[in-house]
Protein backbone atom coordinates (compact mmCIF):
# COMPACT_ATOMS: atom_id res chain seq x y z
CA UNK A 1 29.11 -1.50 16.03
CA UNK A 2 29.17 -0.36 12.22
CA UNK A 3 26.44 -1.71 10.20
CA UNK A 4 25.85 -1.34 6.36
CA UNK A 5 22.07 -1.30 5.66
CA UNK A 6 21.13 -2.06 2.06
CA UNK A 7 17.93 -1.97 0.65
CA UNK A 8 15.98 -2.84 -2.82
CA UNK A 9 12.08 -2.77 -3.31
CA UNK A 10 11.70 -5.96 -5.37
CA UNK A 11 13.66 -9.02 -5.73
CA UNK A 12 14.06 -8.35 -9.30
CA UNK A 13 16.45 -5.24 -8.20
CA UNK A 14 19.90 -5.97 -7.63
CA UNK A 15 21.52 -4.98 -3.95
CA UNK A 16 25.17 -5.96 -4.65
CA UNK A 17 26.23 -2.63 -5.55
CA UNK A 18 25.12 -0.88 -2.59
CA UNK A 19 26.96 -3.71 -0.77
CA UNK A 20 29.97 -3.28 -2.56
CA UNK A 21 29.84 0.63 -2.23
CA UNK A 22 29.70 0.32 1.61
CA UNK A 23 32.44 -2.55 2.28
CA UNK A 24 34.52 -0.43 -0.16
CA UNK A 25 35.07 2.78 2.41
CA UNK A 26 33.91 0.17 5.80
CA UNK A 27 35.09 -3.30 5.00
CA UNK A 28 34.24 -3.97 8.80
CA UNK A 29 30.83 -3.18 8.28
CA UNK A 30 28.08 -5.89 9.37
CA UNK A 31 26.11 -5.81 6.13
CA UNK A 32 22.07 -6.19 6.70
CA UNK A 33 20.18 -6.35 3.66
CA UNK A 34 16.25 -5.61 2.87
CA UNK A 35 13.95 -6.37 0.20
CA UNK A 36 10.96 -3.89 0.87
CA UNK A 37 9.25 -1.06 0.16
CA UNK A 38 11.22 2.48 0.81
CA UNK A 39 7.95 4.34 1.22
CA UNK A 40 7.56 3.36 5.06
CA UNK A 41 10.06 3.32 7.88
CA UNK A 42 8.09 -0.11 9.63
CA UNK A 43 10.30 -2.53 7.79
CA UNK A 44 11.06 -5.64 9.60
CA UNK A 45 14.99 -5.84 9.28
CA UNK A 46 15.33 -2.05 9.63
CA UNK A 47 13.22 -2.59 12.65
CA UNK A 48 15.38 -5.54 13.92
CA UNK A 49 18.64 -3.38 13.35
CA UNK A 50 17.51 -0.57 15.39
CA UNK A 51 16.71 -2.90 17.99
CA UNK A 52 20.59 -3.73 18.04
CA UNK A 53 21.83 -0.26 18.08
CA UNK A 54 23.56 1.67 21.21
CA UNK A 55 24.81 4.97 21.46
CA UNK A 56 28.27 5.44 19.39
CA UNK A 57 26.88 2.65 16.78
CA UNK A 58 27.06 3.65 12.99
CA UNK A 59 24.58 2.97 10.25
CA UNK A 60 25.93 3.54 6.98
CA UNK A 61 23.69 3.48 3.66
CA UNK A 62 24.74 3.98 0.20
CA UNK A 63 22.07 6.85 -0.62
CA UNK A 64 19.03 8.73 1.68
CA UNK A 65 16.51 6.83 -0.54
CA UNK A 66 17.82 3.57 0.82
CA UNK A 67 16.89 4.49 4.39
CA UNK A 68 13.64 5.43 3.76
CA UNK A 69 11.47 7.37 0.89
CA UNK A 70 8.94 9.34 3.14
CA UNK A 71 9.99 12.42 3.96
CA UNK A 72 8.38 13.28 7.46
CA UNK A 73 9.49 9.65 8.34
CA UNK A 74 12.62 9.97 7.09
CA UNK A 75 13.55 12.93 9.15
CA UNK A 76 11.82 11.66 12.24
CA UNK A 77 13.65 8.69 12.08
CA UNK A 78 16.91 10.69 11.43
CA UNK A 79 16.51 12.96 14.48
CA UNK A 80 15.60 9.94 16.79
CA UNK A 81 18.69 8.26 15.78
CA UNK A 82 20.62 11.61 16.35
CA UNK A 83 19.42 11.95 19.50
CA UNK A 84 20.02 8.34 20.88
CA UNK A 85 23.87 9.01 19.85
CA UNK A 86 23.59 6.71 16.66
CA UNK A 87 25.79 8.06 13.69
CA UNK A 88 24.34 8.17 10.21
CA UNK A 89 27.13 8.15 7.13
CA UNK A 90 25.20 8.47 3.84
CA UNK A 91 27.52 8.02 1.02
CA UNK A 92 26.22 9.79 -1.41
CA UNK A 93 24.97 12.52 0.63
CA UNK A 94 27.62 13.23 3.11
CA UNK A 95 26.48 16.69 3.96
CA UNK A 96 23.70 15.38 5.99
CA UNK A 97 25.70 12.78 7.93
CA UNK A 98 24.96 13.05 11.52
CA UNK A 99 28.41 14.18 12.38
CA UNK A 100 27.92 17.08 9.90
CA UNK A 101 24.78 18.06 11.74
CA UNK A 102 26.74 17.58 15.22
CA UNK A 103 29.66 19.74 14.33
CA UNK A 104 26.95 22.47 12.91
CA UNK A 105 25.65 22.44 16.68
CA UNK A 106 29.10 22.38 18.65
CA UNK A 107 30.07 25.48 16.32
CA UNK A 108 27.41 27.48 17.69
CA UNK A 109 28.68 30.96 18.69
CA UNK A 110 29.44 31.49 22.41
CA UNK A 111 27.10 34.19 24.27
CA UNK A 112 29.23 37.04 25.47
CA UNK A 113 27.24 38.10 28.58
CA UNK A 114 25.67 41.13 26.72
CA UNK A 115 21.73 41.07 26.71
CA UNK A 116 21.45 42.86 23.17
CA UNK A 117 24.24 40.92 21.68
CA UNK A 118 23.50 37.91 23.24
CA UNK A 119 20.17 38.09 21.37
CA UNK A 120 21.58 38.63 18.35
CA UNK A 121 23.91 35.39 18.75
CA UNK A 122 20.97 33.23 19.89
CA UNK A 123 19.17 34.24 17.01
CA UNK A 124 22.05 33.46 14.68
CA UNK A 125 22.44 29.82 16.51
CA UNK A 126 18.73 29.42 16.00
CA UNK A 127 18.98 30.28 12.21
CA UNK A 128 22.35 28.10 11.70
CA UNK A 129 20.52 25.03 13.31
CA UNK A 130 17.59 25.59 11.64
CA UNK A 131 19.66 25.59 8.02
CA UNK A 132 21.25 22.58 9.00
CA UNK A 133 18.02 21.04 9.66
CA UNK A 134 16.69 22.13 6.71
CA UNK A 135 19.24 20.26 4.51
CA UNK A 136 18.27 17.13 5.90
CA UNK A 137 14.69 17.60 5.19
CA UNK A 138 15.37 18.37 1.85
CA UNK A 139 17.59 15.38 1.16
CA UNK A 140 14.71 13.34 2.40
CA UNK A 141 11.62 15.07 0.41
CA UNK A 142 13.86 14.79 -2.84
CA UNK A 143 14.03 11.14 -2.17
CA UNK A 144 10.18 11.27 -1.41
CA UNK A 145 9.77 13.52 -4.78
CA UNK A 146 11.19 10.59 -6.82
CA UNK A 147 9.23 7.67 -5.64
CA UNK A 148 6.07 10.18 -6.20
CA UNK A 149 7.08 11.03 -9.75
CA UNK A 150 7.69 7.27 -10.53
CA UNK A 151 3.92 6.85 -9.17
CA UNK A 152 2.61 9.69 -11.66
CA UNK A 153 4.88 8.39 -14.55
CA UNK A 154 3.38 5.06 -13.74
CA UNK A 155 -0.07 5.84 -13.70
CA UNK A 156 0.31 8.11 -16.77
CA UNK A 157 1.52 5.07 -18.73
CA UNK A 158 -1.40 3.32 -17.58
CA UNK A 159 -3.80 5.65 -18.66
CA UNK A 160 -1.89 5.84 -22.18
CA UNK A 161 -2.07 2.11 -22.33
CA UNK A 162 -6.29 2.29 -21.78
CA UNK A 163 -6.46 4.64 -24.13
CA UNK A 164 -5.16 2.58 -26.55
CA UNK A 165 -7.33 -0.32 -25.83
CA UNK A 166 -4.78 -2.46 -24.25
CA UNK A 167 -5.96 -4.66 -21.33
CA UNK A 168 -3.61 -4.34 -17.84
CA UNK A 169 -3.11 -7.67 -16.43
CA UNK A 170 -3.74 -7.83 -13.02
CA UNK A 171 -1.05 -7.01 -9.90
CA UNK A 172 1.02 -4.30 -11.89
CA UNK A 173 2.86 -3.77 -8.48
CA UNK A 174 4.17 -7.66 -8.68
CA UNK A 175 5.90 -7.01 -11.85
CA UNK A 176 3.55 -8.92 -14.22
CA UNK A 177 3.88 -7.88 -17.95
CA UNK A 178 0.88 -5.99 -19.50
CA UNK A 179 -1.82 -7.95 -20.93
CA UNK A 180 -2.45 -6.96 -24.42
CA UNK A 181 -5.96 -7.72 -25.50
CA UNK A 182 -4.62 -7.88 -29.44
CA UNK A 183 -2.15 -10.30 -28.29
CA UNK A 184 -4.76 -12.60 -26.65
CA UNK A 185 -7.18 -12.43 -29.88
CA UNK A 186 -3.97 -13.18 -32.32
CA UNK A 187 -2.88 -16.22 -30.03
CA UNK A 188 -6.65 -17.53 -30.19
CA UNK A 189 -6.03 -17.41 -33.83
CA UNK A 190 -3.03 -19.05 -33.95
CA UNK A 191 -3.75 -21.96 -31.49
CA UNK A 192 -7.17 -22.31 -33.65
CA UNK A 193 -5.50 -22.17 -37.20
CA UNK A 194 -1.80 -23.31 -37.13
CA UNK A 195 -1.05 -26.73 -38.11
CA UNK A 196 1.24 -26.73 -35.04
CA UNK A 197 -1.39 -26.30 -32.64
CA UNK A 198 -4.61 -27.37 -33.45
CA UNK A 199 -5.11 -26.38 -37.33
CA UNK A 200 -4.21 -26.96 -40.63
CA UNK A 201 -2.93 -23.60 -42.00
CA UNK A 202 1.07 -22.41 -42.54
CA UNK A 203 2.42 -19.57 -40.73
CA UNK A 204 2.03 -17.26 -43.97
CA UNK A 205 -1.63 -18.42 -44.33
CA UNK A 206 -2.44 -17.89 -40.57
CA UNK A 207 -0.54 -14.30 -40.74
CA UNK A 208 -2.71 -13.52 -43.73
CA UNK A 209 -5.75 -14.39 -41.66
CA UNK A 210 -4.73 -12.23 -38.54
CA UNK A 211 -4.61 -9.20 -41.15
CA UNK A 212 -7.65 -9.54 -42.60
CA UNK A 213 -8.69 -8.01 -39.57
CA UNK A 214 -7.50 -4.61 -38.08
CA UNK A 215 -7.99 -5.60 -34.59
CA UNK A 216 -5.62 -8.77 -35.30
CA UNK A 217 -3.21 -6.91 -37.46
CA UNK A 218 0.33 -8.34 -36.71
CA UNK A 219 4.07 -8.17 -38.21
CA UNK A 220 5.95 -11.41 -39.03
CA UNK A 221 8.27 -10.81 -35.91
CA UNK A 222 5.51 -10.11 -33.69
CA UNK A 223 3.50 -13.11 -35.00
CA UNK A 224 6.25 -15.56 -34.02
CA UNK A 225 7.23 -14.01 -30.71
CA UNK A 226 3.52 -14.59 -29.89
CA UNK A 227 4.09 -18.46 -31.41
CA UNK A 228 7.00 -18.75 -29.31
CA UNK A 229 5.10 -17.74 -26.34
CA UNK A 230 2.36 -20.19 -26.90
């Protein structure tokens, strides 16, 4: 059986490109989709898929990061699948397909019966296997690095926002927009003073009122943006 595994981390991300990429090359693949973080291999749909697998079955993923973005878990999962006879195909990283790794094993040099020569041959075979496995590890490490870099950039961005006097709304990880302190102050003025809400002033006068305080100074475009949100 051939399965195509497609994963995104949040519902806001599109999964269609992964599905298209897989079906373009393997139209017979049964597609399994999942919305779950790739920082752990313990994902509901992935676990269900593993429970269906038999030796000789194939899993196709668009890229290694779709399978796992944790280097240690990713390599362990890869080797477990390999040892069970499950084929793994990575469309963007074909050099670590299980068939490629299997060929590296099959192409090991045969011993010749000479004690000294065989020592060198066995050592060479071990080095070749180490290099092949190292390629697999590096692919998962790169996926791991990407997610850590993203986390670092997010942390730095939050630090910058806080240093600029901006408050961060709760549940950033759920995709909520930043709650800017100045925006809340300006909106409070609009609600209180604008004749479109609870006040008597025109837009021009409300803008002048806001701009009388550095903490609520606002451009015309931003003012109308806040007003639309209200």
